[in-house]
C-alpha atoms as a PDB file:
ATOM      1  CA  UNK A   1     -84.331  55.773 -66.481  1.00  0.00           C
ATOM      2  CA  UNK A   2     -81.931  53.522 -64.523  1.00  0.00           C
ATOM      3  CA  UNK A   3     -83.268  50.317 -62.862  1.00  0.00           C
ATOM      4  CA  UNK A   4     -83.293  51.395 -59.429  1.00  0.00           C
ATOM      5  CA  UNK A   5     -84.320  55.105 -59.629  1.00  0.00           C
ATOM      6  CA  UNK A   6     -86.070  56.416 -56.498  1.00  0.00           C
ATOM      7  CA  UNK A   7     -85.102  53.165 -54.459  1.00  0.00           C
ATOM      8  CA  UNK A   8     -83.454  53.491 -51.068  1.00  0.00           C
ATOM      9  CA  UNK A   9     -80.942  50.811 -50.177  1.00  0.00           C
ATOM     10  CA  UNK A  10     -79.340  49.979 -46.788  1.00  0.00           C
ATOM     11  CA  UNK A  11     -76.171  48.160 -47.155  1.00  0.00           C
ATOM     12  CA  UNK A  12     -74.173  47.068 -44.027  1.00  0.00           C
ATOM     13  CA  UNK A  13     -70.470  46.725 -43.956  1.00  0.00           C
ATOM     14  CA  UNK A  14     -70.149  48.969 -47.063  1.00  0.00           C
ATOM     15  CA  UNK A  15     -67.085  50.963 -46.245  1.00  0.00           C
ATOM     16  CA  UNK A  16     -64.810  48.826 -48.207  1.00  0.00           C
ATOM     17  CA  UNK A  17     -64.677  45.428 -50.106  1.00  0.00           C
ATOM     18  CA  UNK A  18     -67.811  43.672 -51.452  1.00  0.00           C
ATOM     19  CA  UNK A  19     -70.081  46.059 -49.543  1.00  0.00           C
ATOM     20  CA  UNK A  20     -68.559  49.080 -50.943  1.00  0.00           C
ATOM     21  CA  UNK A  21     -68.894  47.540 -54.567  1.00  0.00           C
ATOM     22  CA  UNK A  22     -72.429  46.787 -53.702  1.00  0.00           C
ATOM     23  CA  UNK A  23     -73.119  50.412 -52.743  1.00  0.00           C
ATOM     24  CA  UNK A  24     -71.558  51.698 -55.997  1.00  0.00           C
ATOM     25  CA  UNK A  25     -73.474  49.208 -58.238  1.00  0.00           C
ATOM     26  CA  UNK A  26     -76.871  49.985 -56.663  1.00  0.00           C
ATOM     27  CA  UNK A  27     -75.997  53.652 -56.810  1.00  0.00           C
ATOM     28  CA  UNK A  28     -75.068  53.614 -60.360  1.00  0.00           C
ATOM     29  CA  UNK A  29     -78.530  52.307 -61.322  1.00  0.00           C
ATOM     30  CA  UNK A  30     -80.053  55.231 -59.356  1.00  0.00           C
ATOM     31  CA  UNK A  31     -80.323  54.094 -55.760  1.00  0.00           C
ATOM     32  CA  UNK A  32     -79.839  56.362 -52.798  1.00  0.00           C
ATOM     33  CA  UNK A  33     -77.700  54.545 -50.211  1.00  0.00           C
ATOM     34  CA  UNK A  34     -77.173  54.260 -46.538  1.00  0.00           C
ATOM     35  CA  UNK A  35     -73.515  53.316 -46.111  1.00  0.00           C
ATOM     36  CA  UNK A  36     -72.576  51.494 -42.735  1.00  0.00           C
ATOM     37  CA  UNK A  37     -69.115  50.728 -41.318  1.00  0.00           C
ATOM     38  CA  UNK A  38     -67.251  50.484 -38.098  1.00  0.00           C
ATOM     39  CA  UNK A  39     -64.845  53.094 -39.342  1.00  0.00           C
ATOM     40  CA  UNK A  40     -66.305  56.571 -39.957  1.00  0.00           C
ATOM     41  CA  UNK A  41     -63.643  57.438 -42.512  1.00  0.00           C
ATOM     42  CA  UNK A  42     -64.211  54.411 -44.736  1.00  0.00           C
ATOM     43  CA  UNK A  43     -68.002  55.101 -44.673  1.00  0.00           C
ATOM     44  CA  UNK A  44     -67.529  58.625 -45.675  1.00  0.00           C
ATOM     45  CA  UNK A  45     -65.176  57.503 -48.606  1.00  0.00           C
ATOM     46  CA  UNK A  46     -67.952  55.356 -49.893  1.00  0.00           C
ATOM     47  CA  UNK A  47     -70.444  58.116 -49.534  1.00  0.00           C
ATOM     48  CA  UNK A  48     -68.123  60.268 -51.474  1.00  0.00           C
ATOM     49  CA  UNK A  49     -67.719  57.771 -54.215  1.00  0.00           C
ATOM     50  CA  UNK A  50     -71.546  57.446 -54.435  1.00  0.00           C
ATOM     51  CA  UNK A  51     -72.041  61.174 -54.847  1.00  0.00           C
ATOM     52  CA  UNK A  52     -69.222  61.246 -57.413  1.00  0.00           C
ATOM     53  CA  UNK A  53     -71.347  59.051 -59.561  1.00  0.00           C
ATOM     54  CA  UNK A  54     -74.487  61.323 -59.130  1.00  0.00           C
ATOM     55  CA  UNK A  55     -76.254  59.408 -56.467  1.00  0.00           C
ATOM     56  CA  UNK A  56     -76.957  60.386 -52.729  1.00  0.00           C
ATOM     57  CA  UNK A  57     -75.855  58.656 -49.636  1.00  0.00           C
ATOM     58  CA  UNK A  58     -75.529  59.096 -45.900  1.00  0.00           C
ATOM     59  CA  UNK A  59     -73.626  57.099 -43.392  1.00  0.00           C
ATOM     60  CA  UNK A  60     -74.750  55.083 -40.336  1.00  0.00           C
ATOM     61  CA  UNK A  61     -71.546  54.362 -38.566  1.00  0.00           C
ATOM     62  CA  UNK A  62     -71.242  51.639 -35.931  1.00  0.00           C
ATOM     63  CA  UNK A  63     -71.259  47.938 -34.944  1.00  0.00           C
ATOM     64  CA  UNK A  64     -74.115  45.857 -36.476  1.00  0.00           C
ATOM     65  CA  UNK A  65     -73.998  43.906 -33.452  1.00  0.00           C
ATOM     66  CA  UNK A  66     -75.068  46.852 -31.209  1.00  0.00           C
ATOM     67  CA  UNK A  67     -78.568  46.225 -29.834  1.00  0.00           C
ATOM     68  CA  UNK A  68     -79.876  49.459 -31.256  1.00  0.00           C
ATOM     69  CA  UNK A  69     -78.106  49.198 -34.619  1.00  0.00           C
ATOM     70  CA  UNK A  70     -81.117  47.946 -36.594  1.00  0.00           C
ATOM     71  CA  UNK A  71     -83.108  50.833 -35.275  1.00  0.00           C
ATOM     72  CA  UNK A  72     -80.466  53.400 -36.048  1.00  0.00           C
ATOM     73  CA  UNK A  73     -80.014  51.808 -39.669  1.00  0.00           C
ATOM     74  CA  UNK A  74     -83.462  51.907 -40.715  1.00  0.00           C
ATOM     75  CA  UNK A  75     -84.170  55.270 -39.000  1.00  0.00           C
ATOM     76  CA  UNK A  76     -81.235  56.687 -41.080  1.00  0.00           C
ATOM     77  CA  UNK A  77     -82.963  55.486 -44.252  1.00  0.00           C
ATOM     78  CA  UNK A  78     -86.381  56.857 -43.412  1.00  0.00           C
ATOM     79  CA  UNK A  79     -85.003  60.082 -42.032  1.00  0.00           C
ATOM     80  CA  UNK A  80     -82.689  60.830 -44.801  1.00  0.00           C
ATOM     81  CA  UNK A  81     -84.738  59.418 -47.842  1.00  0.00           C
ATOM     82  CA  UNK A  82     -88.326  58.719 -46.562  1.00  0.00           C
ATOM     83  CA  UNK A  83     -88.362  55.020 -46.934  1.00  0.00           C
ATOM     84  CA  UNK A  84     -86.760  51.639 -47.381  1.00  0.00           C
ATOM     85  CA  UNK A  85     -86.710  49.688 -50.456  1.00  0.00           C
ATOM     86  CA  UNK A  86     -83.582  47.434 -50.482  1.00  0.00           C
ATOM     87  CA  UNK A  87     -81.819  45.915 -47.585  1.00  0.00           C
ATOM     88  CA  UNK A  88     -78.493  44.150 -48.016  1.00  0.00           C
ATOM     89  CA  UNK A  89     -77.081  42.348 -44.944  1.00  0.00           C
ATOM     90  CA  UNK A  90     -73.539  42.138 -45.852  1.00  0.00           C
ATOM     91  CA  UNK A  91     -71.499  43.003 -42.858  1.00  0.00           C
ATOM     92  CA  UNK A  92     -69.373  40.028 -41.479  1.00  0.00           C
ATOM     93  CA  UNK A  93     -66.078  38.577 -41.022  1.00  0.00           C
ATOM     94  CA  UNK A  94     -64.424  35.134 -40.472  1.00  0.00           C
ATOM     95  CA  UNK A  95     -62.899  34.076 -37.056  1.00  0.00           C
ATOM     96  CA  UNK A  96     -61.839  30.517 -37.719  1.00  0.00           C
ATOM     97  CA  UNK A  97     -60.705  27.457 -35.514  1.00  0.00           C
ATOM     98  CA  UNK A  98     -61.419  23.783 -35.510  1.00  0.00           C
ATOM     99  CA  UNK A  99     -63.981  22.733 -32.683  1.00  0.00           C
ATOM    100  CA  UNK A 100     -61.498  21.614 -29.989  1.00  0.00           C
ATOM    101  CA  UNK A 101     -59.749  25.083 -29.966  1.00  0.00           C
ATOM    102  CA  UNK A 102     -62.966  27.276 -30.744  1.00  0.00           C
ATOM    103  CA  UNK A 103     -63.758  29.414 -27.733  1.00  0.00           C
ATOM    104  CA  UNK A 104     -67.382  30.502 -26.778  1.00  0.00           C
ATOM    105  CA  UNK A 105     -66.292  34.078 -27.616  1.00  0.00           C
ATOM    106  CA  UNK A 106     -65.406  33.065 -31.162  1.00  0.00           C
ATOM    107  CA  UNK A 107     -68.793  31.038 -31.586  1.00  0.00           C
ATOM    108  CA  UNK A 108     -70.870  33.957 -30.473  1.00  0.00           C
ATOM    109  CA  UNK A 109     -69.021  36.488 -32.417  1.00  0.00           C
ATOM    110  CA  UNK A 110     -70.010  34.652 -35.649  1.00  0.00           C
ATOM    111  CA  UNK A 111     -73.678  34.083 -34.510  1.00  0.00           C
ATOM    112  CA  UNK A 112     -74.025  37.733 -33.554  1.00  0.00           C
ATOM    113  CA  UNK A 113     -72.567  39.492 -36.622  1.00  0.00           C
ATOM    114  CA  UNK A 114     -73.932  36.929 -39.263  1.00  0.00           C
ATOM    115  CA  UNK A 115     -77.408  36.073 -37.702  1.00  0.00           C
ATOM    116  CA  UNK A 116     -78.500  38.283 -34.814  1.00  0.00           C
ATOM    117  CA  UNK A 117     -77.502  41.582 -36.732  1.00  0.00           C
ATOM    118  CA  UNK A 118     -79.581  40.799 -39.893  1.00  0.00           C
ATOM    119  CA  UNK A 119     -82.550  39.657 -37.560  1.00  0.00           C
ATOM    120  CA  UNK A 120     -82.522  42.929 -35.752  1.00  0.00           C
ATOM    121  CA  UNK A 121     -82.399  45.045 -39.032  1.00  0.00           C
ATOM    122  CA  UNK A 122     -85.278  43.128 -40.511  1.00  0.00           C
ATOM    123  CA  UNK A 123     -87.177  43.324 -37.292  1.00  0.00           C
ATOM    124  CA  UNK A 124     -86.585  47.232 -37.320  1.00  0.00           C
ATOM    125  CA  UNK A 125     -87.800  47.591 -40.841  1.00  0.00           C
ATOM    126  CA  UNK A 126     -90.986  45.419 -40.338  1.00  0.00           C
ATOM    127  CA  UNK A 127     -93.381  48.182 -39.355  1.00  0.00           C
ATOM    128  CA  UNK A 128     -92.403  50.409 -42.085  1.00  0.00           C
ATOM    129  CA  UNK A 129     -92.633  47.702 -44.746  1.00  0.00           C
ATOM    130  CA  UNK A 130     -95.985  46.489 -43.405  1.00  0.00           C
ATOM    131  CA  UNK A 131     -97.483  49.931 -43.376  1.00  0.00           C
ATOM    132  CA  UNK A 132     -96.106  50.908 -46.643  1.00  0.00           C
ATOM    133  CA  UNK A 133     -97.415  47.585 -48.373  1.00  0.00           C
ATOM    134  CA  UNK A 134    -100.676  48.070 -46.874  1.00  0.00           C
ATOM    135  CA  UNK A 135    -101.015  51.678 -48.264  1.00  0.00           C
ATOM    136  CA  UNK A 136     -99.829  50.701 -51.688  1.00  0.00           C
ATOM    137  CA  UNK A 137    -102.195  47.794 -51.953  1.00  0.00           C
ATOM    138  CA  UNK A 138    -105.055  50.028 -50.898  1.00  0.00           C
ATOM    139  CA  UNK A 139    -103.925  52.403 -53.880  1.00  0.00           C
ATOM    140  CA  UNK A 140    -103.900  49.541 -56.256  1.00  0.00           C
ATOM    141  CA  UNK A 141    -100.235  49.655 -56.669  1.00  0.00           C
ATOM    142  CA  UNK A 142     -97.779  46.548 -56.535  1.00  0.00           C
ATOM    143  CA  UNK A 143     -94.500  47.657 -55.179  1.00  0.00           C
ATOM    144  CA  UNK A 144     -91.571  45.094 -54.576  1.00  0.00           C
ATOM    145  CA  UNK A 145     -89.005  45.640 -52.012  1.00  0.00           C
ATOM    146  CA  UNK A 146     -85.723  43.527 -51.748  1.00  0.00           C
ATOM    147  CA  UNK A 147     -83.826  41.872 -49.107  1.00  0.00           C
ATOM    148  CA  UNK A 148     -80.407  40.185 -49.906  1.00  0.00           C
ATOM    149  CA  UNK A 149     -78.786  38.384 -47.161  1.00  0.00           C
ATOM    150  CA  UNK A 150     -75.138  37.471 -47.766  1.00  0.00           C
ATOM    151  CA  UNK A 151     -74.160  33.859 -47.122  1.00  0.00           C
ATOM    152  CA  UNK A 152     -71.259  31.623 -48.042  1.00  0.00           C
ATOM    153  CA  UNK A 153     -70.350  28.292 -49.473  1.00  0.00           C
ATOM    154  CA  UNK A 154     -69.374  27.409 -45.858  1.00  0.00           C
ATOM    155  CA  UNK A 155     -73.023  27.673 -45.072  1.00  0.00           C
ATOM    156  CA  UNK A 156     -74.136  25.508 -48.066  1.00  0.00           C
ATOM    157  CA  UNK A 157     -71.799  22.661 -47.978  1.00  0.00           C
ATOM    158  CA  UNK A 158     -69.471  23.227 -44.789  1.00  0.00           C
ATOM    159  CA  UNK A 159     -65.835  24.128 -44.583  1.00  0.00           C
ATOM    160  CA  UNK A 160     -63.220  22.849 -42.219  1.00  0.00           C
ATOM    161  CA  UNK A 161     -62.276  25.120 -39.438  1.00  0.00           C
ATOM    162  CA  UNK A 162     -65.219  27.278 -39.968  1.00  0.00           C
ATOM    163  CA  UNK A 163     -67.984  25.715 -37.595  1.00  0.00           C
ATOM    164  CA  UNK A 164     -69.110  29.127 -36.049  1.00  0.00           C
ATOM    165  CA  UNK A 165     -68.969  30.826 -39.448  1.00  0.00           C
ATOM    166  CA  UNK A 166     -70.487  27.908 -41.354  1.00  0.00           C
ATOM    167  CA  UNK A 167     -73.469  27.513 -38.763  1.00  0.00           C
ATOM    168  CA  UNK A 168     -74.243  31.279 -39.022  1.00  0.00           C
ATOM    169  CA  UNK A 169     -74.217  31.415 -42.700  1.00  0.00           C
ATOM    170  CA  UNK A 170     -76.490  28.403 -42.793  1.00  0.00           C
ATOM    171  CA  UNK A 171     -78.512  30.233 -40.315  1.00  0.00           C
ATOM    172  CA  UNK A 172     -78.684  33.193 -42.748  1.00  0.00           C
ATOM    173  CA  UNK A 173     -80.103  30.753 -45.382  1.00  0.00           C
ATOM    174  CA  UNK A 174     -82.689  29.910 -42.834  1.00  0.00           C
ATOM    175  CA  UNK A 175     -83.539  33.426 -42.160  1.00  0.00           C
ATOM    176  CA  UNK A 176     -83.922  33.968 -45.898  1.00  0.00           C
ATOM    177  CA  UNK A 177     -86.497  31.229 -46.337  1.00  0.00           C
ATOM    178  CA  UNK A 178     -88.533  32.171 -43.538  1.00  0.00           C
ATOM    179  CA  UNK A 179     -88.507  35.730 -44.284  1.00  0.00           C
ATOM    180  CA  UNK A 180     -89.658  35.086 -47.874  1.00  0.00           C
ATOM    181  CA  UNK A 181     -92.727  33.367 -46.452  1.00  0.00           C
ATOM    182  CA  UNK A 182     -93.657  35.917 -43.863  1.00  0.00           C
ATOM    183  CA  UNK A 183     -93.100  39.022 -46.071  1.00  0.00           C
ATOM    184  CA  UNK A 184     -94.303  37.565 -49.489  1.00  0.00           C
ATOM    185  CA  UNK A 185     -97.786  39.100 -48.816  1.00  0.00           C
ATOM    186  CA  UNK A 186     -95.909  42.391 -48.479  1.00  0.00           C
ATOM    187  CA  UNK A 187     -94.276  42.042 -51.733  1.00  0.00           C
ATOM    188  CA  UNK A 188     -90.911  41.513 -50.430  1.00  0.00           C
ATOM    189  CA  UNK A 189     -88.404  39.201 -52.165  1.00  0.00           C
ATOM    190  CA  UNK A 190     -86.021  37.728 -49.876  1.00  0.00           C
ATOM    191  CA  UNK A 191     -82.917  35.991 -51.292  1.00  0.00           C
ATOM    192  CA  UNK A 192     -79.339  34.784 -50.252  1.00  0.00           C
ATOM    193  CA  UNK A 193     -76.181  35.026 -52.163  1.00  0.00           C
ATOM    194  CA  UNK A 194     -73.681  32.683 -50.958  1.00  0.00           C
ATOM    195  CA  UNK A 195     -70.025  33.577 -51.981  1.00  0.00           C
ATOM    196  CA  UNK A 196     -67.337  31.197 -52.817  1.00  0.00           C
ATOM    197  CA  UNK A 197     -63.710  32.596 -53.231  1.00  0.00           C
ATOM    198  CA  UNK A 198     -63.963  36.398 -53.532  1.00  0.00           C
ATOM    199  CA  UNK A 199     -60.558  38.139 -53.525  1.00  0.00           C
ATOM    200  CA  UNK A 200     -60.823  40.583 -50.575  1.00  0.00           C
ATOM    201  CA  UNK A 201     -58.526  41.578 -47.594  1.00  0.00           C
ATOM    202  CA  UNK A 202     -59.658  38.513 -45.888  1.00  0.00           C
ATOM    203  CA  UNK A 203     -58.325  36.094 -48.496  1.00  0.00           C
ATOM    204  CA  UNK A 204     -55.502  37.998 -50.306  1.00  0.00           C
ATOM    205  CA  UNK A 205     -52.822  38.120 -47.621  1.00  0.00           C
ATOM    206  CA  UNK A 206     -50.918  34.903 -46.511  1.00  0.00           C
ATOM    207  CA  UNK A 207     -52.074  33.247 -43.602  1.00  0.00           C
ATOM    208  CA  UNK A 208     -50.517  34.523 -40.412  1.00  0.00           C
ATOM    209  CA  UNK A 209     -49.313  37.742 -41.857  1.00  0.00           C
ATOM    210  CA  UNK A 210     -52.496  39.766 -41.764  1.00  0.00           C
ATOM    211  CA  UNK A 211     -55.066  40.637 -39.162  1.00  0.00           C
ATOM    212  CA  UNK A 212     -58.166  42.814 -38.807  1.00  0.00           C
ATOM    213  CA  UNK A 213     -59.467  44.680 -35.832  1.00  0.00           C
ATOM    214  CA  UNK A 214     -63.006  44.087 -34.910  1.00  0.00           C
ATOM    215  CA  UNK A 215     -64.338  45.975 -31.741  1.00  0.00           C
ATOM    216  CA  UNK A 216     -61.052  45.764 -29.978  1.00  0.00           C
ATOM    217  CA  UNK A 217     -60.060  42.161 -30.902  1.00  0.00           C
ATOM    218  CA  UNK A 218     -57.264  41.513 -33.453  1.00  0.00           C
ATOM    219  CA  UNK A 219     -58.415  38.543 -35.640  1.00  0.00           C
ATOM    220  CA  UNK A 220     -55.869  36.840 -38.017  1.00  0.00           C
ATOM    221  CA  UNK A 221     -57.139  36.527 -41.583  1.00  0.00           C
ATOM    222  CA  UNK A 222     -55.553  35.328 -44.714  1.00  0.00           C
ATOM    223  CA  UNK A 223     -55.000  32.272 -46.850  1.00  0.00           C
ATOM    224  CA  UNK A 224     -51.830  30.389 -47.304  1.00  0.00           C
ATOM    225  CA  UNK A 225     -50.684  31.101 -50.845  1.00  0.00           C
ATOM    226  CA  UNK A 226     -50.339  27.322 -51.808  1.00  0.00           C
ATOM    227  CA  UNK A 227     -53.851  26.662 -50.421  1.00  0.00           C
ATOM    228  CA  UNK A 228     -55.166  29.672 -52.394  1.00  0.00           C
ATOM    229  CA  UNK A 229     -53.631  28.225 -55.611  1.00  0.00           C
ATOM    230  CA  UNK A 230     -55.197  24.937 -55.053  1.00  0.00           C
ATOM    231  CA  UNK A 231     -58.597  26.483 -54.235  1.00  0.00           C
ATOM    232  CA  UNK A 232     -58.413  28.580 -57.498  1.00  0.00           C
ATOM    233  CA  UNK A 233     -57.532  25.486 -59.496  1.00  0.00           C
ATOM    234  CA  UNK A 234     -60.732  23.812 -58.547  1.00  0.00           C
ATOM    235  CA  UNK A 235     -62.900  26.800 -59.740  1.00  0.00           C
ATOM    236  CA  UNK A 236     -64.317  26.020 -63.152  1.00  0.00           C
ATOM    237  CA  UNK A 237     -63.793  29.517 -64.251  1.00  0.00           C
ATOM    238  CA  UNK A 238     -60.236  29.197 -63.266  1.00  0.00           C
ATOM    239  CA  UNK A 239     -60.009  31.910 -60.642  1.00  0.00           C
ATOM    240  CA  UNK A 240     -61.453  33.740 -57.564  1.00  0.00           C
ATOM    241  CA  UNK A 241     -64.086  36.456 -57.981  1.00  0.00           C
ATOM    242  CA  UNK A 242     -63.648  40.227 -57.604  1.00  0.00           C
ATOM    243  CA  UNK A 243     -65.651  42.308 -55.145  1.00  0.00           C
ATOM    244  CA  UNK A 244     -67.290  43.881 -58.273  1.00  0.00           C
ATOM    245  CA  UNK A 245     -68.420  40.539 -59.575  1.00  0.00           C
ATOM    246  CA  UNK A 246     -69.860  39.667 -56.106  1.00  0.00           C
ATOM    247  CA  UNK A 247     -71.726  42.974 -56.238  1.00  0.00           C
ATOM    248  CA  UNK A 248     -73.129  41.880 -59.516  1.00  0.00           C
ATOM    249  CA  UNK A 249     -74.836  38.946 -58.058  1.00  0.00           C
ATOM    250  CA  UNK A 250     -76.429  40.807 -55.310  1.00  0.00           C
ATOM    251  CA  UNK A 251     -77.652  43.478 -57.985  1.00  0.00           C
ATOM    252  CA  UNK A 252     -79.542  40.706 -59.735  1.00  0.00           C
ATOM    253  CA  UNK A 253     -81.822  40.198 -56.817  1.00  0.00           C
ATOM    254  CA  UNK A 254     -82.397  44.139 -56.419  1.00  0.00           C
ATOM    255  CA  UNK A 255     -83.767  44.847 -59.830  1.00  0.00           C
ATOM    256  CA  UNK A 256     -87.323  44.377 -61.114  1.00  0.00           C
ATOM    257  CA  UNK A 257     -86.451  41.326 -63.171  1.00  0.00           C
ATOM    258  CA  UNK A 258     -86.169  39.529 -59.867  1.00  0.00           C
ATOM    259  CA  UNK A 259     -89.566  40.325 -58.738  1.00  0.00           C
ATOM    260  CA  UNK A 260     -91.000  36.709 -58.912  1.00  0.00           C
ATOM    261  CA  UNK A 261     -87.914  35.159 -57.291  1.00  0.00           C
ATOM    262  CA  UNK A 262     -87.914  34.774 -53.539  1.00  0.00           C
ATOM    263  CA  UNK A 263     -86.619  32.284 -50.914  1.00  0.00           C
ATOM    264  CA  UNK A 264     -83.560  31.351 -52.992  1.00  0.00           C
ATOM    265  CA  UNK A 265     -79.986  30.684 -52.121  1.00  0.00           C
ATOM    266  CA  UNK A 266     -77.959  31.389 -55.263  1.00  0.00           C
ATOM    267  CA  UNK A 267     -74.036  30.463 -55.177  1.00  0.00           C
ATOM    268  CA  UNK A 268     -71.648  32.776 -56.597  1.00  0.00           C
ATOM    269  CA  UNK A 269     -68.524  30.864 -56.804  1.00  0.00           C
ATOM    270  CA  UNK A 270     -67.378  30.584 -60.381  1.00  0.00           C
ATOM    271  CA  UNK A 271     -68.953  27.291 -60.711  1.00  0.00           C
ATOM    272  CA  UNK A 272     -67.276  25.794 -57.664  1.00  0.00           C
ATOM    273  CA  UNK A 273     -69.439  23.544 -55.371  1.00  0.00           C
ATOM    274  CA  UNK A 274     -68.476  21.250 -52.665  1.00  0.00           C
END
């Protein structure tokens, strides 16, 4: 028996990077997975990888900022696997600027993807979770479900040039603490993982040389190599983390050993703090 046998996990933004590693980590412990990405081909690649290790997965392709995404995402899990046990609100990106240069579009893009999207997913799951919990309680069973919201050090201690991103990630931590109280009676553990420097496509290319496309927008990403070196030198463990290590932190909040932990923000940063 693996730790997540029979569980159904929804992971937004799981076509690549940290999200893909989370999908593979949970699937490796027996979870069936709903994979989401903007890119259908990437989502299908993750599904194939999940199936290759002996688990099951389906896709829910599209933008987490679409008004109907939460309903479609939760519906995909219930339709394919009959329930919802784990929700990982992972999808997101950075769009940085200092305040005097930040546009309304940049600001709202960060709020929409990092706060509004998780809100809609959780709202869409609420009816199923309430009814399932009531049924389980009536049967004398205690079944725990898990929500893991992905935050950032920028939402814990702030980070220059990331007003929108930092505010949204701080909001994620607020969502976590409120939902831990609202859903505690339904045996739902709600926690946040705040990442420090994790080496993904958003950080590995040199600043100004890389870009990502998000819903028709080209957004510059990357970190100046000298800045990256300085950042890593300040990390007590001596380096940035890998996506697999980031996934490990999320995994800890999905297994039975965390059944009495809720409303927490755990920093995964190699020991670095502001």
